[in-house]
Amino acid sequence: MEAAPASRTLISGVLLGVVGAIMFSAKAIIVKLAYRHGVDAITLIMYRMLFALPFFLAIVWWTSRPREGKPVPALTRRDQLGVVWLGVTGYYLASFLDFAGLAYISASLERLILYLNPTLVLLMGRVLYGKPIHRNQLLGMAISYGGVVLVFGHEVSLTGSGVALGTLLVFLSAVSYATYLSYSGELVLRLGSLRLVGLATSVACVCCILQFVLMRPLSAALTVAPEVVWLSLLNAIGCTVIPVLLVMMAIERVGSGLASQVGMVGPMSTIAMGVLLLGEPFTGWVIAGTLLVLLGIYFCTRAGK
């Protein structure tokens, strides 16, 4: 009798993880669609974060409520500095660099680069904490980067030198988010993952809004095409807030290990949506590069267990 509830929990967790990964991956598609209406990265990310901020503040409020009659511990000065640091590096910089890079490269290549995060976390763990990297993990990293280079080389031959700049920007975005993952462990233990996500993303939202105020005239927000506003609203809710909650719920049900494996559906869904919605080329080079990246990440995650 106990097997049925456990099975339902597993199935629901996997489904939540799959849907969350697909919705996360749709972000690049929406950004590429918005760029077709002449908007720039600073304005576009401002709209996304402006619409997302109320939801993340609601998460902060919800996770700060008393539990079982006990108040949630207040943030210490160290906690506050840590939240600001992680919000700037892990969400603000990562998001802005990603949006900027998508102006030059395909959604498929962007997703493959971002999927290198586990390898970057491994490298940072080695540099910052002296954690060993196993032979199979090195093999996995080589395979993953080989896959990205394969797709990169194919895109350069098709669209020109702007691909190099876009690839660099998105790779720096991946490095920025890997920094967040590497430094967030202690704060996650003290604050809880959902509370930390709400706080850090709220900081990032404020940074993106301030960036627009300082670098663009306010009238620029009123001159964008209506499609940009609606796409940004969809991006904020459907590709930012909801996926965060879905992935958190998936982790609660099946654990972070299986949830990360389920997340491998992300690059494949991005490629499919890029072909169907953006008209991006679906070639053997893209397929081969994607399979290499997924295989490499699988080696890295399995070898570390």
C-alpha atoms as a PDB file:
ATOM      1  CA  MET A   1       0.000   0.000   0.000  1.00  0.00           C
ATOM      2  CA  GLU A   2       2.916   2.370   0.660  1.00  0.00           C
ATOM      3  CA  ALA A   3       4.361   1.787  -2.798  1.00  0.00           C
ATOM      4  CA  ALA A   4       1.501   3.579  -4.567  1.00  0.00           C
ATOM      5  CA  PRO A   5       1.948   6.961  -2.774  1.00  0.00           C
ATOM      6  CA  ALA A   6       5.714   6.722  -3.291  1.00  0.00           C
ATOM      7  CA  SER A   7       5.192   5.998  -6.978  1.00  0.00           C
ATOM      8  CA  ARG A   8       2.814   8.930  -7.327  1.00  0.00           C
ATOM      9  CA  THR A   9       5.338  11.200  -5.604  1.00  0.00           C
ATOM     10  CA  LEU A  10       8.065  10.079  -7.990  1.00  0.00           C
ATOM     11  CA  ILE A  11       5.897  10.564 -11.067  1.00  0.00           C
ATOM     12  CA  SER A  12       4.648  13.975  -9.945  1.00  0.00           C
ATOM     13  CA  GLY A  13       8.190  15.083  -9.104  1.00  0.00           C
ATOM     14  CA  VAL A  14       9.522  14.034 -12.501  1.00  0.00           C
ATOM     15  CA  LEU A  15       6.627  15.732 -14.297  1.00  0.00           C
ATOM     16  CA  LEU A  16       7.146  18.940 -12.316  1.00  0.00           C
ATOM     17  CA  GLY A  17      10.847  18.861 -13.165  1.00  0.00           C
ATOM     18  CA  VAL A  18      10.174  18.287 -16.875  1.00  0.00           C
ATOM     19  CA  VAL A  19       7.603  21.075 -17.127  1.00  0.00           C
ATOM     20  CA  GLY A  20       9.840  23.445 -15.141  1.00  0.00           C
ATOM     21  CA  ALA A  21      12.848  22.725 -17.376  1.00  0.00           C
ATOM     22  CA  ILE A  22      10.815  23.285 -20.548  1.00  0.00           C
ATOM     23  CA  MET A  23       9.376  26.551 -19.237  1.00  0.00           C
ATOM     24  CA  PHE A  24      12.838  27.752 -18.205  1.00  0.00           C
ATOM     25  CA  SER A  25      14.144  26.910 -21.675  1.00  0.00           C
ATOM     26  CA  ALA A  26      11.362  28.882 -23.364  1.00  0.00           C
ATOM     27  CA  LYS A  27      12.911  32.081 -21.990  1.00  0.00           C
ATOM     28  CA  ALA A  28      15.446  32.220 -24.820  1.00  0.00           C
ATOM     29  CA  ILE A  29      12.690  31.778 -27.408  1.00  0.00           C
ATOM     30  CA  ILE A  30      10.666  34.653 -25.975  1.00  0.00           C
ATOM     31  CA  VAL A  31      13.728  36.916 -25.858  1.00  0.00           C
ATOM     32  CA  LYS A  32      14.525  36.156 -29.503  1.00  0.00           C
ATOM     33  CA  LEU A  33      10.907  36.900 -30.470  1.00  0.00           C
ATOM     34  CA  ALA A  34      11.035  40.221 -28.584  1.00  0.00           C
ATOM     35  CA  TYR A  35      14.243  41.258 -30.361  1.00  0.00           C
ATOM     36  CA  ARG A  36      12.338  41.112 -33.646  1.00  0.00           C
ATOM     37  CA  HIS A  37      10.426  44.209 -32.486  1.00  0.00           C
ATOM     38  CA  GLY A  38      13.531  46.399 -32.172  1.00  0.00           C
ATOM     39  CA  VAL A  39      13.965  46.390 -28.385  1.00  0.00           C
ATOM     40  CA  ASP A  40      17.399  46.434 -26.727  1.00  0.00           C
ATOM     41  CA  ALA A  41      18.628  44.148 -23.936  1.00  0.00           C
ATOM     42  CA  ILE A  42      18.504  46.795 -21.178  1.00  0.00           C
ATOM     43  CA  THR A  43      14.876  47.692 -21.855  1.00  0.00           C
ATOM     44  CA  LEU A  44      13.815  44.101 -22.371  1.00  0.00           C
ATOM     45  CA  ILE A  45      15.287  42.784 -19.136  1.00  0.00           C
ATOM     46  CA  MET A  46      13.870  45.773 -17.255  1.00  0.00           C
ATOM     47  CA  TYR A  47      10.357  44.810 -18.328  1.00  0.00           C
ATOM     48  CA  ARG A  48      10.906  41.176 -17.415  1.00  0.00           C
ATOM     49  CA  MET A  49      12.175  42.003 -13.935  1.00  0.00           C
ATOM     50  CA  LEU A  50       9.570  44.708 -13.369  1.00  0.00           C
ATOM     51  CA  PHE A  51       6.794  42.178 -13.941  1.00  0.00           C
ATOM     52  CA  ALA A  52       8.550  39.466 -11.919  1.00  0.00           C
ATOM     53  CA  LEU A  53       9.395  41.624  -8.866  1.00  0.00           C
ATOM     54  CA  PRO A  54       5.937  41.499  -7.191  1.00  0.00           C
ATOM     55  CA  PHE A  55       5.932  37.695  -7.368  1.00  0.00           C
ATOM     56  CA  PHE A  56       9.392  37.380  -5.840  1.00  0.00           C
ATOM     57  CA  LEU A  57       8.488  39.846  -3.079  1.00  0.00           C
ATOM     58  CA  ALA A  58       5.451  37.647  -2.386  1.00  0.00           C
ATOM     59  CA  ILE A  59       7.783  34.650  -2.076  1.00  0.00           C
ATOM     60  CA  VAL A  60       9.937  36.604   0.388  1.00  0.00           C
ATOM     61  CA  TRP A  61       6.852  37.480   2.432  1.00  0.00           C
ATOM     62  CA  TRP A  62       5.563  33.895   2.384  1.00  0.00           C
ATOM     63  CA  THR A  63       8.882  32.350   3.423  1.00  0.00           C
ATOM     64  CA  SER A  64       9.360  34.945   6.182  1.00  0.00           C
ATOM     65  CA  ARG A  65       6.082  34.111   7.937  1.00  0.00           C
ATOM     66  CA  PRO A  66       6.211  32.364  11.333  1.00  0.00           C
ATOM     67  CA  ARG A  67       6.235  28.563  11.155  1.00  0.00           C
ATOM     68  CA  GLU A  68       4.374  26.562  13.820  1.00  0.00           C
ATOM     69  CA  GLY A  69       4.192  29.656  15.991  1.00  0.00           C
ATOM     70  CA  LYS A  70       7.944  30.272  15.749  1.00  0.00           C
ATOM     71  CA  PRO A  71       9.239  33.413  14.024  1.00  0.00           C
ATOM     72  CA  VAL A  72      11.643  33.008  11.143  1.00  0.00           C
ATOM     73  CA  PRO A  73      15.129  34.237  12.166  1.00  0.00           C
ATOM     74  CA  ALA A  74      15.861  37.762  10.993  1.00  0.00           C
ATOM     75  CA  LEU A  75      18.624  38.324   8.456  1.00  0.00           C
ATOM     76  CA  THR A  76      21.973  39.134  10.006  1.00  0.00           C
ATOM     77  CA  ARG A  77      24.279  41.745   8.505  1.00  0.00           C
ATOM     78  CA  ARG A  78      26.290  38.915   6.968  1.00  0.00           C
ATOM     79  CA  ASP A  79      23.135  37.374   5.512  1.00  0.00           C
ATOM     80  CA  GLN A  80      22.114  40.692   3.971  1.00  0.00           C
ATOM     81  CA  LEU A  81      25.509  41.179   2.319  1.00  0.00           C
ATOM     82  CA  GLY A  82      25.435  37.600   1.086  1.00  0.00           C
ATOM     83  CA  VAL A  83      21.970  38.021  -0.427  1.00  0.00           C
ATOM     84  CA  VAL A  84      23.011  41.214  -2.213  1.00  0.00           C
ATOM     85  CA  TRP A  85      26.200  39.585  -3.525  1.00  0.00           C
ATOM     86  CA  LEU A  86      24.352  36.532  -4.805  1.00  0.00           C
ATOM     87  CA  GLY A  87      21.548  38.634  -6.256  1.00  0.00           C
ATOM     88  CA  VAL A  88      24.006  40.740  -8.229  1.00  0.00           C
ATOM     89  CA  THR A  89      26.230  37.910  -9.445  1.00  0.00           C
ATOM     90  CA  GLY A  90      23.830  35.011  -9.682  1.00  0.00           C
ATOM     91  CA  TYR A  91      20.760  36.689 -11.131  1.00  0.00           C
ATOM     92  CA  TYR A  92      21.389  40.263 -12.271  1.00  0.00           C
ATOM     93  CA  LEU A  93      24.676  39.735 -14.137  1.00  0.00           C
ATOM     94  CA  ALA A  94      23.726  36.262 -15.305  1.00  0.00           C
ATOM     95  CA  SER A  95      20.386  37.484 -16.681  1.00  0.00           C
ATOM     96  CA  PHE A  96      21.694  40.634 -18.344  1.00  0.00           C
ATOM     97  CA  LEU A  97      24.670  38.915 -20.000  1.00  0.00           C
ATOM     98  CA  ASP A  98      22.367  36.160 -21.208  1.00  0.00           C
ATOM     99  CA  PHE A  99      19.885  38.627 -22.723  1.00  0.00           C
ATOM    100  CA  ALA A 100      22.719  40.576 -24.353  1.00  0.00           C
ATOM    101  CA  GLY A 101      24.263  37.431 -25.819  1.00  0.00           C
ATOM    102  CA  LEU A 102      20.974  36.236 -27.293  1.00  0.00           C
ATOM    103  CA  ALA A 103      21.057  39.215 -29.653  1.00  0.00           C
ATOM    104  CA  TYR A 104      23.918  37.499 -31.504  1.00  0.00           C
ATOM    105  CA  ILE A 105      23.461  33.729 -31.234  1.00  0.00           C
ATOM    106  CA  SER A 106      20.712  31.162 -31.643  1.00  0.00           C
ATOM    107  CA  ALA A 107      18.564  30.008 -28.762  1.00  0.00           C
ATOM    108  CA  SER A 108      19.946  26.481 -29.206  1.00  0.00           C
ATOM    109  CA  LEU A 109      23.578  27.525 -28.746  1.00  0.00           C
ATOM    110  CA  GLU A 110      22.629  29.735 -25.794  1.00  0.00           C
ATOM    111  CA  ARG A 111      20.971  26.836 -23.991  1.00  0.00           C
ATOM    112  CA  LEU A 112      23.937  24.525 -24.597  1.00  0.00           C
ATOM    113  CA  ILE A 113      26.361  27.092 -23.173  1.00  0.00           C
ATOM    114  CA  LEU A 114      24.229  27.653 -20.072  1.00  0.00           C
ATOM    115  CA  TYR A 115      24.018  23.905 -19.617  1.00  0.00           C
ATOM    116  CA  LEU A 116      27.759  23.879 -18.940  1.00  0.00           C
ATOM    117  CA  ASN A 117      27.016  25.183 -15.423  1.00  0.00           C
ATOM    118  CA  PRO A 118      27.854  21.884 -13.662  1.00  0.00           C
ATOM    119  CA  THR A 119      31.310  21.865 -15.234  1.00  0.00           C
ATOM    120  CA  LEU A 120      31.937  25.454 -14.154  1.00  0.00           C
ATOM    121  CA  VAL A 121      30.844  24.628 -10.611  1.00  0.00           C
ATOM    122  CA  LEU A 122      33.330  21.745 -10.615  1.00  0.00           C
ATOM    123  CA  LEU A 123      36.137  24.053 -11.740  1.00  0.00           C
ATOM    124  CA  MET A 124      35.247  26.677  -9.128  1.00  0.00           C
ATOM    125  CA  GLY A 125      35.116  24.002  -6.453  1.00  0.00           C
ATOM    126  CA  ARG A 126      38.622  22.969  -7.427  1.00  0.00           C
ATOM    127  CA  VAL A 127      39.969  26.540  -7.459  1.00  0.00           C
ATOM    128  CA  LEU A 128      38.124  27.902  -4.407  1.00  0.00           C
ATOM    129  CA  TYR A 129      37.881  24.876  -2.127  1.00  0.00           C
ATOM    130  CA  GLY A 130      40.472  22.440  -3.439  1.00  0.00           C
ATOM    131  CA  LYS A 131      37.847  19.810  -4.264  1.00  0.00           C
ATOM    132  CA  PRO A 132      39.217  17.036  -6.470  1.00  0.00           C
ATOM    133  CA  ILE A 133      37.946  16.503 -10.000  1.00  0.00           C
ATOM    134  CA  HIS A 134      37.689  12.842 -10.957  1.00  0.00           C
ATOM    135  CA  ARG A 135      38.981  11.469 -14.225  1.00  0.00           C
ATOM    136  CA  ASN A 136      35.484  10.728 -15.513  1.00  0.00           C
ATOM    137  CA  GLN A 137      34.438  14.273 -14.667  1.00  0.00           C
ATOM    138  CA  LEU A 138      37.331  15.620 -16.733  1.00  0.00           C
ATOM    139  CA  LEU A 139      36.233  13.376 -19.570  1.00  0.00           C
ATOM    140  CA  GLY A 140      32.679  14.650 -19.246  1.00  0.00           C
ATOM    141  CA  MET A 141      33.864  18.257 -19.299  1.00  0.00           C
ATOM    142  CA  ALA A 142      35.910  17.639 -22.446  1.00  0.00           C
ATOM    143  CA  ILE A 143      32.927  16.020 -24.167  1.00  0.00           C
ATOM    144  CA  SER A 144      30.562  18.863 -23.167  1.00  0.00           C
ATOM    145  CA  TYR A 145      32.851  21.650 -24.304  1.00  0.00           C
ATOM    146  CA  GLY A 146      33.520  19.749 -27.508  1.00  0.00           C
ATOM    147  CA  GLY A 147      29.782  19.752 -28.201  1.00  0.00           C
ATOM    148  CA  VAL A 148      29.525  23.516 -27.660  1.00  0.00           C
ATOM    149  CA  VAL A 149      32.546  24.136 -29.905  1.00  0.00           C
ATOM    150  CA  LEU A 150      30.917  22.006 -32.589  1.00  0.00           C
ATOM    151  CA  VAL A 151      27.699  24.047 -32.602  1.00  0.00           C
ATOM    152  CA  PHE A 152      29.661  27.303 -32.246  1.00  0.00           C
ATOM    153  CA  GLY A 153      31.795  26.518 -35.283  1.00  0.00           C
ATOM    154  CA  HIS A 154      28.707  25.695 -37.323  1.00  0.00           C
ATOM    155  CA  GLU A 155      27.009  28.961 -36.334  1.00  0.00           C
ATOM    156  CA  VAL A 156      30.070  31.062 -37.096  1.00  0.00           C
ATOM    157  CA  SER A 157      30.124  29.637 -40.615  1.00  0.00           C
ATOM    158  CA  LEU A 158      26.469  30.595 -41.090  1.00  0.00           C
ATOM    159  CA  THR A 159      26.063  33.989 -39.402  1.00  0.00           C
ATOM    160  CA  GLY A 160      29.519  35.527 -38.991  1.00  0.00           C
ATOM    161  CA  SER A 161      31.694  37.081 -36.300  1.00  0.00           C
ATOM    162  CA  GLY A 162      28.876  38.327 -34.051  1.00  0.00           C
ATOM    163  CA  VAL A 163      28.521  34.748 -32.838  1.00  0.00           C
ATOM    164  CA  ALA A 164      31.849  35.026 -31.005  1.00  0.00           C
ATOM    165  CA  LEU A 165      30.659  38.034 -28.982  1.00  0.00           C
ATOM    166  CA  GLY A 166      27.318  36.426 -28.219  1.00  0.00           C
ATOM    167  CA  THR A 167      28.981  33.190 -27.157  1.00  0.00           C
ATOM    168  CA  LEU A 168      31.353  35.088 -24.855  1.00  0.00           C
ATOM    169  CA  LEU A 169      28.508  37.018 -23.231  1.00  0.00           C
ATOM    170  CA  VAL A 170      26.411  33.896 -22.603  1.00  0.00           C
ATOM    171  CA  PHE A 171      29.449  31.997 -21.317  1.00  0.00           C
ATOM    172  CA  LEU A 172      30.135  34.839 -18.858  1.00  0.00           C
ATOM    173  CA  SER A 173      26.473  34.552 -17.854  1.00  0.00           C
ATOM    174  CA  ALA A 174      27.054  30.861 -17.106  1.00  0.00           C
ATOM    175  CA  VAL A 175      30.173  31.749 -15.086  1.00  0.00           C
ATOM    176  CA  SER A 176      28.187  34.329 -13.127  1.00  0.00           C
ATOM    177  CA  TYR A 177      25.457  31.824 -12.265  1.00  0.00           C
ATOM    178  CA  ALA A 178      28.044  29.167 -11.389  1.00  0.00           C
ATOM    179  CA  THR A 179      29.479  31.695  -8.919  1.00  0.00           C
ATOM    180  CA  TYR A 180      26.046  31.924  -7.324  1.00  0.00           C
ATOM    181  CA  LEU A 181      25.804  28.136  -7.074  1.00  0.00           C
ATOM    182  CA  SER A 182      29.310  27.862  -5.604  1.00  0.00           C
ATOM    183  CA  TYR A 183      28.765  30.467  -2.893  1.00  0.00           C
ATOM    184  CA  SER A 184      25.110  29.905  -2.056  1.00  0.00           C
ATOM    185  CA  GLY A 185      25.478  26.639  -0.121  1.00  0.00           C
ATOM    186  CA  GLU A 186      25.931  28.186   3.326  1.00  0.00           C
ATOM    187  CA  LEU A 187      23.102  30.693   2.846  1.00  0.00           C
ATOM    188  CA  VAL A 188      20.761  27.975   1.579  1.00  0.00           C
ATOM    189  CA  LEU A 189      21.310  26.031   4.790  1.00  0.00           C
ATOM    190  CA  ARG A 190      20.577  29.074   6.960  1.00  0.00           C
ATOM    191  CA  LEU A 191      17.742  30.709   5.016  1.00  0.00           C
ATOM    192  CA  GLY A 192      16.227  27.888   2.985  1.00  0.00           C
ATOM    193  CA  SER A 193      16.377  27.623  -0.793  1.00  0.00           C
ATOM    194  CA  LEU A 194      13.047  29.272  -1.607  1.00  0.00           C
ATOM    195  CA  ARG A 195      13.586  32.206   0.752  1.00  0.00           C
ATOM    196  CA  LEU A 196      17.069  32.777  -0.673  1.00  0.00           C
ATOM    197  CA  VAL A 197      15.752  32.625  -4.247  1.00  0.00           C
ATOM    198  CA  GLY A 198      13.057  35.175  -3.419  1.00  0.00           C
ATOM    199  CA  LEU A 199      15.505  37.552  -1.744  1.00  0.00           C
ATOM    200  CA  ALA A 200      18.284  37.245  -4.332  1.00  0.00           C
ATOM    201  CA  THR A 201      15.987  37.584  -7.326  1.00  0.00           C
ATOM    202  CA  SER A 202      14.323  40.621  -5.759  1.00  0.00           C
ATOM    203  CA  VAL A 203      17.763  42.232  -5.531  1.00  0.00           C
ATOM    204  CA  ALA A 204      18.374  41.351  -9.186  1.00  0.00           C
ATOM    205  CA  CYS A 205      15.030  42.850 -10.210  1.00  0.00           C
ATOM    206  CA  VAL A 206      15.883  46.133  -8.509  1.00  0.00           C
ATOM    207  CA  CYS A 207      19.320  46.159 -10.191  1.00  0.00           C
ATOM    208  CA  CYS A 208      17.801  45.675 -13.654  1.00  0.00           C
ATOM    209  CA  ILE A 209      15.246  48.425 -13.082  1.00  0.00           C
ATOM    210  CA  LEU A 210      17.933  50.829 -11.792  1.00  0.00           C
ATOM    211  CA  GLN A 211      20.135  49.964 -14.768  1.00  0.00           C
ATOM    212  CA  PHE A 212      17.367  51.060 -17.126  1.00  0.00           C
ATOM    213  CA  VAL A 213      16.685  54.265 -15.166  1.00  0.00           C
ATOM    214  CA  LEU A 214      20.385  55.215 -15.262  1.00  0.00           C
ATOM    215  CA  MET A 215      21.112  54.244 -18.871  1.00  0.00           C
ATOM    216  CA  ARG A 216      17.892  54.932 -20.783  1.00  0.00           C
ATOM    217  CA  PRO A 217      15.367  57.783 -20.804  1.00  0.00           C
ATOM    218  CA  LEU A 218      12.090  56.845 -19.180  1.00  0.00           C
ATOM    219  CA  SER A 219      10.332  57.584 -22.461  1.00  0.00           C
ATOM    220  CA  ALA A 220      12.109  54.563 -23.958  1.00  0.00           C
ATOM    221  CA  ALA A 221       9.867  52.290 -21.899  1.00  0.00           C
ATOM    222  CA  LEU A 222       6.784  53.835 -23.516  1.00  0.00           C
ATOM    223  CA  THR A 223       7.951  53.537 -27.106  1.00  0.00           C
ATOM    224  CA  VAL A 224       8.431  49.768 -27.268  1.00  0.00           C
ATOM    225  CA  ALA A 225       6.047  47.695 -29.330  1.00  0.00           C
ATOM    226  CA  PRO A 226       3.059  46.256 -27.418  1.00  0.00           C
ATOM    227  CA  GLU A 227       4.320  42.769 -28.320  1.00  0.00           C
ATOM    228  CA  VAL A 228       7.456  43.406 -26.245  1.00  0.00           C
ATOM    229  CA  VAL A 229       5.368  44.172 -23.159  1.00  0.00           C
ATOM    230  CA  TRP A 230       3.241  41.044 -23.527  1.00  0.00           C
ATOM    231  CA  LEU A 231       6.257  38.848 -24.272  1.00  0.00           C
ATOM    232  CA  SER A 232       8.016  40.276 -21.198  1.00  0.00           C
ATOM    233  CA  LEU A 233       4.989  39.523 -19.033  1.00  0.00           C
ATOM    234  CA  LEU A 234       4.964  35.961 -20.348  1.00  0.00           C
ATOM    235  CA  ASN A 235       8.711  35.719 -19.754  1.00  0.00           C
ATOM    236  CA  ALA A 236       8.409  36.979 -16.180  1.00  0.00           C
ATOM    237  CA  ILE A 237       5.583  34.669 -15.155  1.00  0.00           C
ATOM    238  CA  GLY A 238       5.817  31.654 -17.444  1.00  0.00           C
ATOM    239  CA  CYS A 239       9.592  31.402 -17.797  1.00  0.00           C
ATOM    240  CA  THR A 240      10.811  32.819 -14.481  1.00  0.00           C
ATOM    241  CA  VAL A 241       8.446  32.670 -11.508  1.00  0.00           C
ATOM    242  CA  ILE A 242       6.471  29.495 -12.258  1.00  0.00           C
ATOM    243  CA  PRO A 243       9.517  27.376 -13.275  1.00  0.00           C
ATOM    244  CA  VAL A 244      11.341  28.375 -10.072  1.00  0.00           C
ATOM    245  CA  LEU A 245       8.439  27.062  -8.017  1.00  0.00           C
ATOM    246  CA  LEU A 246       8.031  23.917 -10.145  1.00  0.00           C
ATOM    247  CA  VAL A 247      11.692  22.971  -9.879  1.00  0.00           C
ATOM    248  CA  MET A 248      11.663  23.569  -6.127  1.00  0.00           C
ATOM    249  CA  MET A 249       8.621  21.305  -5.811  1.00  0.00           C
ATOM    250  CA  ALA A 250      10.331  18.681  -7.961  1.00  0.00           C
ATOM    251  CA  ILE A 251      13.433  18.743  -5.756  1.00  0.00           C
ATOM    252  CA  GLU A 252      11.275  18.296  -2.658  1.00  0.00           C
ATOM    253  CA  ARG A 253       9.725  15.163  -4.192  1.00  0.00           C
ATOM    254  CA  VAL A 254      12.615  13.426  -5.974  1.00  0.00           C
ATOM    255  CA  GLY A 255      15.781  15.144  -4.728  1.00  0.00           C
ATOM    256  CA  SER A 256      18.235  17.433  -6.491  1.00  0.00           C
ATOM    257  CA  GLY A 257      20.054  14.599  -8.271  1.00  0.00           C
ATOM    258  CA  LEU A 258      17.082  13.235 -10.196  1.00  0.00           C
ATOM    259  CA  ALA A 259      15.697  16.728 -10.712  1.00  0.00           C
ATOM    260  CA  SER A 260      18.945  17.783 -12.400  1.00  0.00           C
ATOM    261  CA  GLN A 261      18.865  14.699 -14.625  1.00  0.00           C
ATOM    262  CA  VAL A 262      15.287  15.472 -15.621  1.00  0.00           C
ATOM    263  CA  GLY A 263      16.432  18.998 -16.470  1.00  0.00           C
ATOM    264  CA  MET A 264      18.356  17.566 -19.416  1.00  0.00           C
ATOM    265  CA  VAL A 265      15.150  17.908 -21.384  1.00  0.00           C
ATOM    266  CA  GLY A 266      15.817  21.668 -21.423  1.00  0.00           C
ATOM    267  CA  PRO A 267      18.297  21.879 -24.329  1.00  0.00           C
ATOM    268  CA  MET A 268      16.217  19.500 -26.444  1.00  0.00           C
ATOM    269  CA  SER A 269      13.065  21.545 -25.859  1.00  0.00           C
ATOM    270  CA  THR A 270      14.896  24.772 -26.726  1.00  0.00           C
ATOM    271  CA  ILE A 271      16.059  23.300 -30.029  1.00  0.00           C
ATOM    272  CA  ALA A 272      12.532  22.117 -30.840  1.00  0.00           C
ATOM    273  CA  MET A 273      10.980  25.491 -29.992  1.00  0.00           C
ATOM    274  CA  GLY A 274      13.739  27.312 -31.883  1.00  0.00           C
ATOM    275  CA  VAL A 275      12.984  25.307 -35.016  1.00  0.00           C
ATOM    276  CA  LEU A 276       9.195  25.602 -34.728  1.00  0.00           C
ATOM    277  CA  LEU A 277       8.856  29.196 -33.494  1.00  0.00           C
ATOM    278  CA  LEU A 278      12.014  30.963 -34.698  1.00  0.00           C
ATOM    279  CA  GLY A 279      12.823  29.039 -37.851  1.00  0.00           C
ATOM    280  CA  GLU A 280      16.318  28.181 -36.603  1.00  0.00           C
ATOM    281  CA  PRO A 281      18.138  25.518 -38.660  1.00  0.00           C
ATOM    282  CA  PHE A 282      17.821  21.933 -37.496  1.00  0.00           C
ATOM    283  CA  THR A 283      21.018  20.299 -38.660  1.00  0.00           C
ATOM    284  CA  GLY A 284      23.143  17.306 -37.822  1.00  0.00           C
ATOM    285  CA  TRP A 285      25.713  19.667 -36.291  1.00  0.00           C
ATOM    286  CA  VAL A 286      23.188  20.948 -33.754  1.00  0.00           C
ATOM    287  CA  ILE A 287      21.994  17.436 -32.938  1.00  0.00           C
ATOM    288  CA  ALA A 288      25.547  16.109 -32.529  1.00  0.00           C
ATOM    289  CA  GLY A 289      26.608  19.063 -30.361  1.00  0.00           C
ATOM    290  CA  THR A 290      23.550  18.738 -28.141  1.00  0.00           C
ATOM    291  CA  LEU A 291      24.076  15.016 -27.622  1.00  0.00           C
ATOM    292  CA  LEU A 292      27.735  15.609 -26.734  1.00  0.00           C
ATOM    293  CA  VAL A 293      26.833  18.295 -24.181  1.00  0.00           C
ATOM    294  CA  LEU A 294      24.183  16.105 -22.561  1.00  0.00           C
ATOM    295  CA  LEU A 295      26.509  13.093 -22.511  1.00  0.00           C
ATOM    296  CA  GLY A 296      29.299  15.134 -20.962  1.00  0.00           C
ATOM    297  CA  ILE A 297      27.062  16.585 -18.249  1.00  0.00           C
ATOM    298  CA  TYR A 298      25.791  13.074 -17.521  1.00  0.00           C
ATOM    299  CA  PHE A 299      29.376  11.889 -17.031  1.00  0.00           C
ATOM    300  CA  CYS A 300      30.105  14.831 -14.737  1.00  0.00           C
ATOM    301  CA  THR A 301      27.054  14.351 -12.531  1.00  0.00           C
ATOM    302  CA  ARG A 302      27.359  10.570 -12.330  1.00  0.00           C
ATOM    303  CA  ALA A 303      31.090  10.598 -11.624  1.00  0.00           C
ATOM    304  CA  GLY A 304      30.612  12.928  -8.669  1.00  0.00           C
ATOM    305  CA  LYS A 305      28.285  10.551  -6.832  1.00  0.00           C
END
